[in-house]
Amino acid sequence: METQLYKVFSGPAIDVNIIRKHLESNGIKCFVENRRGDENESKYSVSTFDPTVVLEVEAENVESAVQLIDTFLKTKAE
């Protein structure tokens, strides 16, 4: 059975990796999707570059991950 993943954060790779390390240090397994910027969902090349990276977690960790991310971002903003 395939694990169901849910997007909890997206942004530039550096931000996603900081958040990923924070979640993993709190016991949450993370999955990073780094889709090529020159392809769209249908895999056809497009002319714009999208550097967005997606961070996903398993269903049972979504609520905890969202809370940790929210707290982390609020602390970072201060």
C-alpha atoms as a PDB file:
ATOM      1  CA  MET A   1       0.000   0.000   0.000  1.00  0.00           C
ATOM      2  CA  GLU A   2       1.311   3.393  -0.977  1.00  0.00           C
ATOM      3  CA  THR A   3       1.775   5.976   1.754  1.00  0.00           C
ATOM      4  CA  GLN A   4      -0.501   9.024   1.423  1.00  0.00           C
ATOM      5  CA  LEU A   5       1.539  12.234   1.598  1.00  0.00           C
ATOM      6  CA  TYR A   6       0.250  15.741   2.282  1.00  0.00           C
ATOM      7  CA  LYS A   7       1.840  19.041   1.401  1.00  0.00           C
ATOM      8  CA  VAL A   8       2.609  21.080   4.526  1.00  0.00           C
ATOM      9  CA  PHE A   9       5.028  23.682   3.153  1.00  0.00           C
ATOM     10  CA  SER A  10       6.465  24.937  -0.117  1.00  0.00           C
ATOM     11  CA  GLY A  11       9.030  27.535  -1.034  1.00  0.00           C
ATOM     12  CA  PRO A  12      12.640  27.968  -2.090  1.00  0.00           C
ATOM     13  CA  ALA A  13      14.835  24.906  -1.505  1.00  0.00           C
ATOM     14  CA  ILE A  14      16.810  26.551   1.308  1.00  0.00           C
ATOM     15  CA  ASP A  15      13.634  27.332   3.298  1.00  0.00           C
ATOM     16  CA  VAL A  16      12.208  23.865   2.699  1.00  0.00           C
ATOM     17  CA  ASN A  17      15.426  22.252   3.925  1.00  0.00           C
ATOM     18  CA  ILE A  18      15.457  24.344   7.102  1.00  0.00           C
ATOM     19  CA  ILE A  19      11.840  23.378   7.824  1.00  0.00           C
ATOM     20  CA  ARG A  20      12.560  19.732   6.924  1.00  0.00           C
ATOM     21  CA  LYS A  21      15.441  19.577   9.414  1.00  0.00           C
ATOM     22  CA  HIS A  22      13.246  21.164  12.094  1.00  0.00           C
ATOM     23  CA  LEU A  23      10.467  18.626  11.551  1.00  0.00           C
ATOM     24  CA  GLU A  24      12.858  15.674  11.426  1.00  0.00           C
ATOM     25  CA  SER A  25      14.516  16.807  14.663  1.00  0.00           C
ATOM     26  CA  ASN A  26      11.028  16.560  16.179  1.00  0.00           C
ATOM     27  CA  GLY A  27      10.519  13.001  14.916  1.00  0.00           C
ATOM     28  CA  ILE A  28       8.487  13.728  11.776  1.00  0.00           C
ATOM     29  CA  LYS A  29       9.579  11.934   8.605  1.00  0.00           C
ATOM     30  CA  CYS A  30       9.571  14.297   5.623  1.00  0.00           C
ATOM     31  CA  PHE A  31       9.499  13.925   1.869  1.00  0.00           C
ATOM     32  CA  VAL A  32      10.768  16.627  -0.496  1.00  0.00           C
ATOM     33  CA  GLU A  33       9.511  16.990  -4.042  1.00  0.00           C
ATOM     34  CA  ASN A  34      11.730  19.083  -6.247  1.00  0.00           C
ATOM     35  CA  ARG A  35       9.979  19.198  -9.587  1.00  0.00           C
ATOM     36  CA  ARG A  36      12.015  20.533 -12.469  1.00  0.00           C
ATOM     37  CA  GLY A  37      11.175  24.173 -13.027  1.00  0.00           C
ATOM     38  CA  ASP A  38      11.034  23.848 -16.793  1.00  0.00           C
ATOM     39  CA  GLU A  39       8.226  21.277 -16.806  1.00  0.00           C
ATOM     40  CA  ASN A  40       4.571  21.608 -15.939  1.00  0.00           C
ATOM     41  CA  GLU A  41       2.189  18.896 -14.678  1.00  0.00           C
ATOM     42  CA  SER A  42       1.844  17.420 -18.159  1.00  0.00           C
ATOM     43  CA  LYS A  43       5.660  17.257 -18.468  1.00  0.00           C
ATOM     44  CA  TYR A  44       5.775  19.725 -21.337  1.00  0.00           C
ATOM     45  CA  SER A  45       8.485  22.339 -21.206  1.00  0.00           C
ATOM     46  CA  VAL A  46       7.412  25.822 -20.188  1.00  0.00           C
ATOM     47  CA  SER A  47       9.365  29.036 -20.491  1.00  0.00           C
ATOM     48  CA  THR A  48       9.210  30.190 -16.862  1.00  0.00           C
ATOM     49  CA  PHE A  49      11.380  28.905 -14.026  1.00  0.00           C
ATOM     50  CA  ASP A  50       9.643  27.844 -10.816  1.00  0.00           C
ATOM     51  CA  PRO A  51      12.137  27.216  -7.991  1.00  0.00           C
ATOM     52  CA  THR A  52       9.429  26.036  -5.602  1.00  0.00           C
ATOM     53  CA  VAL A  53      10.110  22.867  -3.644  1.00  0.00           C
ATOM     54  CA  VAL A  54       7.322  20.994  -1.840  1.00  0.00           C
ATOM     55  CA  LEU A  55       7.609  19.461   1.633  1.00  0.00           C
ATOM     56  CA  GLU A  56       5.238  16.588   2.407  1.00  0.00           C
ATOM     57  CA  VAL A  57       4.525  14.420   5.447  1.00  0.00           C
ATOM     58  CA  GLU A  58       2.466  11.317   6.113  1.00  0.00           C
ATOM     59  CA  ALA A  59      -1.192  11.757   7.065  1.00  0.00           C
ATOM     60  CA  GLU A  60      -0.724  11.014  10.773  1.00  0.00           C
ATOM     61  CA  ASN A  61       1.888  13.791  11.050  1.00  0.00           C
ATOM     62  CA  VAL A  62       0.089  16.614   9.254  1.00  0.00           C
ATOM     63  CA  GLU A  63      -1.346  18.340  12.330  1.00  0.00           C
ATOM     64  CA  SER A  64       1.911  18.187  14.307  1.00  0.00           C
ATOM     65  CA  ALA A  65       3.930  19.321  11.296  1.00  0.00           C
ATOM     66  CA  VAL A  66       1.689  22.316  10.639  1.00  0.00           C
ATOM     67  CA  GLN A  67       1.895  23.381  14.296  1.00  0.00           C
ATOM     68  CA  LEU A  68       5.685  23.037  14.357  1.00  0.00           C
ATOM     69  CA  ILE A  69       6.044  24.973  11.110  1.00  0.00           C
ATOM     70  CA  ASP A  70       3.744  27.744  12.322  1.00  0.00           C
ATOM     71  CA  THR A  71       5.635  28.092  15.609  1.00  0.00           C
ATOM     72  CA  PHE A  72       8.995  27.963  13.818  1.00  0.00           C
ATOM     73  CA  LEU A  73       8.019  30.669  11.302  1.00  0.00           C
ATOM     74  CA  LYS A  74       6.604  32.952  14.027  1.00  0.00           C
ATOM     75  CA  THR A  75       9.824  32.581  16.045  1.00  0.00           C
ATOM     76  CA  LYS A  76      11.926  33.230  12.947  1.00  0.00           C
ATOM     77  CA  ALA A  77       9.964  36.415  12.191  1.00  0.00           C
ATOM     78  CA  GLU A  78      10.644  37.912  15.623  1.00  0.00           C
END
